[in-house]
N, C-alpha and C. Protein backbone atom coordinates (compact mmCIF):
# COMPACT_ATOMS: atom_id res chain seq x y z
N MET A 1 71.23 100.27 80.34
CA MET A 1 71.96 101.49 80.72
C MET A 1 73.51 101.23 80.43
N PRO A 2 74.03 102.11 79.66
CA PRO A 2 75.44 101.96 79.34
C PRO A 2 76.34 102.15 80.62
N GLY A 3 77.35 101.37 80.68
CA GLY A 3 78.31 101.40 81.74
C GLY A 3 79.81 101.52 81.18
N TYR A 4 80.55 102.18 81.94
CA TYR A 4 81.95 102.39 81.54
C TYR A 4 82.96 101.95 82.61
N GLN A 5 83.97 101.32 82.26
CA GLN A 5 85.01 100.92 83.28
C GLN A 5 86.04 101.91 83.08
N LEU A 6 86.39 102.61 84.26
CA LEU A 6 87.43 103.70 84.29
C LEU A 6 88.68 103.02 85.01
N VAL A 7 89.87 103.27 84.42
CA VAL A 7 91.05 102.85 85.04
C VAL A 7 92.04 103.92 85.05
N LEU A 8 92.49 104.20 86.34
CA LEU A 8 93.47 105.20 86.63
C LEU A 8 94.80 104.59 86.97
N LYS A 9 95.90 105.19 86.61
CA LYS A 9 97.21 104.57 86.82
C LYS A 9 98.06 105.62 87.48
N PRO A 10 97.87 105.89 88.80
CA PRO A 10 98.69 106.87 89.47
C PRO A 10 100.22 106.38 89.61
N VAL A 11 101.09 107.39 89.38
CA VAL A 11 102.51 107.13 89.57
C VAL A 11 103.18 108.18 90.43
N TRP A 12 103.92 107.72 91.53
CA TRP A 12 104.49 108.56 92.48
C TRP A 12 106.02 108.43 92.38
N PRO A 13 106.73 109.52 91.88
CA PRO A 13 108.10 109.44 91.78
C PRO A 13 108.84 109.23 93.08
N VAL A 14 109.91 108.51 93.16
CA VAL A 14 110.60 108.19 94.37
C VAL A 14 112.14 108.64 94.20
N ARG A 15 112.54 109.46 95.07
CA ARG A 15 113.96 109.86 95.07
C ARG A 15 114.80 108.63 95.50
N ALA A 16 115.98 108.55 94.96
CA ALA A 16 116.92 107.48 95.39
C ALA A 16 117.39 107.75 96.84
N GLY A 17 117.53 106.76 97.56
CA GLY A 17 118.06 106.91 98.98
C GLY A 17 117.79 105.74 99.84
N SER A 18 117.71 105.97 101.13
CA SER A 18 117.66 104.94 102.11
C SER A 18 116.30 104.34 102.08
N ALA A 19 116.13 103.23 102.88
CA ALA A 19 114.79 102.57 103.08
C ALA A 19 113.91 103.53 103.88
N ASP A 20 114.41 104.45 104.66
CA ASP A 20 113.55 105.39 105.42
C ASP A 20 112.90 106.36 104.47
N ILE A 21 113.56 106.78 103.38
CA ILE A 21 112.99 107.55 102.30
C ILE A 21 111.87 106.85 101.62
N ALA A 22 112.13 105.59 101.27
CA ALA A 22 111.21 104.86 100.56
C ALA A 22 109.95 104.69 101.49
N GLU A 23 110.10 104.44 102.65
CA GLU A 23 108.88 104.32 103.50
C GLU A 23 108.11 105.59 103.61
N LYS A 24 108.76 106.83 103.72
CA LYS A 24 108.19 108.03 103.64
C LYS A 24 107.40 108.30 102.28
N GLU A 25 108.00 107.90 101.22
CA GLU A 25 107.37 108.10 99.89
C GLU A 25 106.17 107.13 99.81
N GLN A 26 106.20 105.99 100.37
CA GLN A 26 105.09 105.01 100.30
C GLN A 26 103.96 105.68 101.10
N GLN A 27 104.25 106.18 102.25
CA GLN A 27 103.22 106.91 103.07
C GLN A 27 102.50 108.09 102.27
N ALA A 28 103.45 108.91 101.73
CA ALA A 28 102.97 110.01 100.80
C ALA A 28 102.06 109.51 99.63
N PHE A 29 102.47 108.48 99.01
CA PHE A 29 101.63 107.85 97.92
C PHE A 29 100.29 107.35 98.40
N ASP A 30 100.33 106.67 99.61
CA ASP A 30 99.11 106.16 100.20
C ASP A 30 98.07 107.30 100.54
N THR A 31 98.70 108.53 100.99
CA THR A 31 97.90 109.65 101.30
C THR A 31 97.29 110.26 100.04
N ALA A 32 98.13 110.27 98.92
CA ALA A 32 97.57 110.79 97.72
C ALA A 32 96.53 109.90 97.10
N ILE A 33 96.66 108.55 97.23
CA ILE A 33 95.55 107.68 96.77
C ILE A 33 94.33 107.87 97.57
N GLY A 34 94.48 108.08 98.90
CA GLY A 34 93.34 108.42 99.72
C GLY A 34 92.62 109.64 99.19
N TYR A 35 93.33 110.74 98.92
CA TYR A 35 92.71 111.86 98.27
C TYR A 35 92.13 111.68 97.00
N LEU A 36 92.65 110.75 96.20
CA LEU A 36 92.11 110.44 94.93
C LEU A 36 90.77 109.68 95.09
N LEU A 37 90.68 108.82 96.02
CA LEU A 37 89.49 108.10 96.35
C LEU A 37 88.36 109.02 96.81
N GLN A 38 88.75 110.01 97.68
CA GLN A 38 87.82 110.97 98.09
C GLN A 38 87.25 111.79 96.92
N ARG A 39 88.11 112.11 95.96
CA ARG A 39 87.71 112.89 94.79
C ARG A 39 86.75 111.98 93.98
N ILE A 40 87.08 110.74 93.83
CA ILE A 40 86.31 109.79 93.03
C ILE A 40 84.85 109.69 93.59
N ARG A 41 84.78 109.43 94.94
CA ARG A 41 83.58 109.15 95.57
C ARG A 41 82.73 110.53 95.70
N GLY A 42 83.40 111.55 95.94
CA GLY A 42 82.84 112.90 95.86
C GLY A 42 81.41 113.11 96.51
N LEU A 43 80.81 114.17 96.03
CA LEU A 43 79.51 114.64 96.50
C LEU A 43 78.34 114.10 95.78
N PHE A 44 77.42 113.60 96.41
CA PHE A 44 76.27 113.00 95.72
C PHE A 44 75.49 114.04 94.91
N GLY A 45 75.14 113.74 93.67
CA GLY A 45 74.36 114.73 92.88
C GLY A 45 75.10 115.75 92.11
N ASP A 46 76.37 115.90 92.38
CA ASP A 46 77.15 116.82 91.55
C ASP A 46 77.95 116.13 90.56
N LYS A 47 77.66 116.23 89.30
CA LYS A 47 78.27 115.52 88.22
C LYS A 47 79.42 116.30 87.52
N THR A 48 79.76 117.47 88.14
CA THR A 48 80.68 118.26 87.49
C THR A 48 82.09 117.86 87.85
N HIS A 49 83.15 118.37 87.17
CA HIS A 49 84.48 118.02 87.59
C HIS A 49 84.83 118.63 88.88
N GLY A 50 84.20 119.67 89.26
CA GLY A 50 84.50 120.36 90.55
C GLY A 50 84.03 119.52 91.71
N GLY A 51 82.99 118.57 91.55
CA GLY A 51 82.50 117.89 92.69
C GLY A 51 83.01 116.56 92.78
N ARG A 52 83.01 115.77 91.65
CA ARG A 52 83.49 114.48 91.57
C ARG A 52 83.60 113.90 90.20
N PHE A 53 84.23 112.74 90.00
CA PHE A 53 84.28 112.19 88.70
C PHE A 53 84.08 110.69 88.76
N LEU A 54 83.37 110.19 89.72
CA LEU A 54 83.15 108.67 89.87
C LEU A 54 82.11 108.29 88.92
N PRO A 55 80.77 108.34 89.13
CA PRO A 55 79.83 107.89 88.13
C PRO A 55 79.35 108.99 87.27
N VAL A 56 78.91 108.68 86.18
CA VAL A 56 78.32 109.65 85.20
C VAL A 56 76.92 110.03 85.88
N ALA A 57 76.27 109.04 86.47
CA ALA A 57 74.84 109.29 86.89
C ALA A 57 74.57 108.87 88.33
N GLU A 58 75.13 107.89 88.81
CA GLU A 58 74.78 107.35 90.17
C GLU A 58 76.01 107.06 91.05
N VAL A 59 75.77 107.10 92.32
CA VAL A 59 76.76 106.75 93.30
C VAL A 59 76.81 105.23 93.47
N PRO A 60 77.99 104.56 93.20
CA PRO A 60 77.98 103.16 93.28
C PRO A 60 77.95 102.64 94.72
N MET A 61 77.77 101.31 94.78
CA MET A 61 77.81 100.75 96.13
C MET A 61 79.25 100.90 96.77
N GLU A 62 79.24 100.90 98.06
CA GLU A 62 80.50 101.06 98.85
C GLU A 62 81.42 99.87 98.35
N GLY A 63 82.67 100.23 98.25
CA GLY A 63 83.71 99.16 97.88
C GLY A 63 83.78 98.85 96.45
N SER A 64 83.12 99.59 95.54
CA SER A 64 83.22 99.29 94.13
C SER A 64 84.41 99.86 93.49
N VAL A 65 85.19 100.63 94.24
CA VAL A 65 86.42 101.16 93.66
C VAL A 65 87.52 100.23 94.23
N GLN A 66 88.42 99.79 93.29
CA GLN A 66 89.38 98.81 93.58
C GLN A 66 90.80 99.44 93.34
N VAL A 67 91.61 99.35 94.32
CA VAL A 67 92.95 99.81 94.29
C VAL A 67 93.96 98.68 94.32
N ASP A 68 94.77 98.54 93.36
CA ASP A 68 95.87 97.46 93.34
C ASP A 68 97.21 98.24 93.21
N TYR A 69 98.00 97.95 94.22
CA TYR A 69 99.37 98.49 94.23
C TYR A 69 100.36 97.60 93.55
N ASP A 70 101.22 98.11 92.68
CA ASP A 70 102.27 97.32 92.11
C ASP A 70 103.28 97.04 93.20
N ASP A 71 104.10 95.99 92.95
CA ASP A 71 105.14 95.65 93.98
C ASP A 71 106.21 96.82 94.00
N PRO A 72 106.33 97.43 95.14
CA PRO A 72 107.29 98.61 95.25
C PRO A 72 108.70 98.25 94.99
N GLU A 73 109.12 96.98 95.39
CA GLU A 73 110.45 96.54 95.13
C GLU A 73 110.79 96.56 93.76
N GLN A 74 109.84 96.16 92.86
CA GLN A 74 110.08 96.18 91.46
C GLN A 74 110.00 97.49 90.85
N THR A 75 109.02 98.27 91.22
CA THR A 75 108.75 99.65 90.51
C THR A 75 109.87 100.60 90.92
N ILE A 76 110.24 100.52 92.22
CA ILE A 76 111.30 101.50 92.56
C ILE A 76 112.64 101.20 91.93
N GLN A 77 113.00 99.99 91.73
CA GLN A 77 114.15 99.62 91.03
C GLN A 77 114.03 99.99 89.49
N ALA A 78 113.03 99.61 88.88
CA ALA A 78 112.88 99.72 87.33
C ALA A 78 112.49 101.06 86.97
N THR A 79 111.63 101.83 87.65
CA THR A 79 111.24 103.13 87.20
C THR A 79 111.35 104.25 88.19
N LYS A 80 111.88 104.00 89.37
CA LYS A 80 112.14 104.98 90.33
C LYS A 80 110.76 105.65 90.71
N SER A 81 109.76 104.75 90.88
CA SER A 81 108.47 105.28 91.22
C SER A 81 107.55 104.18 91.92
N LEU A 82 106.55 104.68 92.59
CA LEU A 82 105.50 103.76 93.11
C LEU A 82 104.33 103.79 92.16
N ARG A 83 103.68 102.74 91.89
CA ARG A 83 102.58 102.72 90.97
C ARG A 83 101.38 101.90 91.54
N ALA A 84 100.17 102.28 91.05
CA ALA A 84 98.99 101.55 91.43
C ALA A 84 98.02 101.65 90.23
N THR A 85 96.93 100.79 90.35
CA THR A 85 95.91 100.84 89.36
C THR A 85 94.61 101.00 90.13
N VAL A 86 93.79 102.06 89.79
CA VAL A 86 92.47 102.24 90.46
C VAL A 86 91.45 101.97 89.41
N THR A 87 90.50 101.16 89.73
CA THR A 87 89.45 100.71 88.76
C THR A 87 88.05 100.96 89.32
N TYR A 88 87.19 101.53 88.54
CA TYR A 88 85.78 101.61 89.01
C TYR A 88 84.93 101.74 87.78
N TRP A 89 83.58 101.66 87.94
CA TRP A 89 82.62 101.71 86.93
C TRP A 89 81.76 102.95 87.05
N ALA A 90 81.33 103.42 85.88
CA ALA A 90 80.33 104.49 85.94
C ALA A 90 79.17 104.15 85.05
N ASP A 91 77.94 104.44 85.47
CA ASP A 91 76.73 104.17 84.67
C ASP A 91 76.25 105.49 84.14
N ASP A 92 75.67 105.45 82.99
CA ASP A 92 75.15 106.73 82.33
C ASP A 92 73.58 106.50 82.11
N ASN A 93 72.83 106.81 83.18
CA ASN A 93 71.37 106.61 82.98
C ASN A 93 70.73 107.80 82.07
N GLU A 94 71.54 108.71 81.82
CA GLU A 94 71.02 109.92 80.96
C GLU A 94 71.32 109.59 79.51
N PHE A 95 71.97 108.52 79.17
CA PHE A 95 72.37 108.22 77.80
C PHE A 95 71.04 107.87 77.01
N VAL A 96 70.90 108.55 75.87
CA VAL A 96 69.76 108.26 74.94
C VAL A 96 70.35 107.70 73.67
N GLY A 97 70.05 106.48 73.45
CA GLY A 97 70.66 105.72 72.28
C GLY A 97 69.86 105.45 71.19
């Protein structure tokens, strides 16, 4: 069965300001990542974009989505943003090769 690794790279712009603003922006980014994970995991059986976009064919085992946050001290200074990498796999059991 063909499998595909999907890599998403969310970016959250950060306004310049105090540490308090950076903390609020980190919380907002964490919330957005949470929504992204909900969207990825989605509803079982619905393979449309309206329902989910995790697997092409099957729901993976729990914990198969990996989120790695970039170092905020570096990304805020260099790019005025918070960044992460979200990685997961999709299997296509409907592929006919």
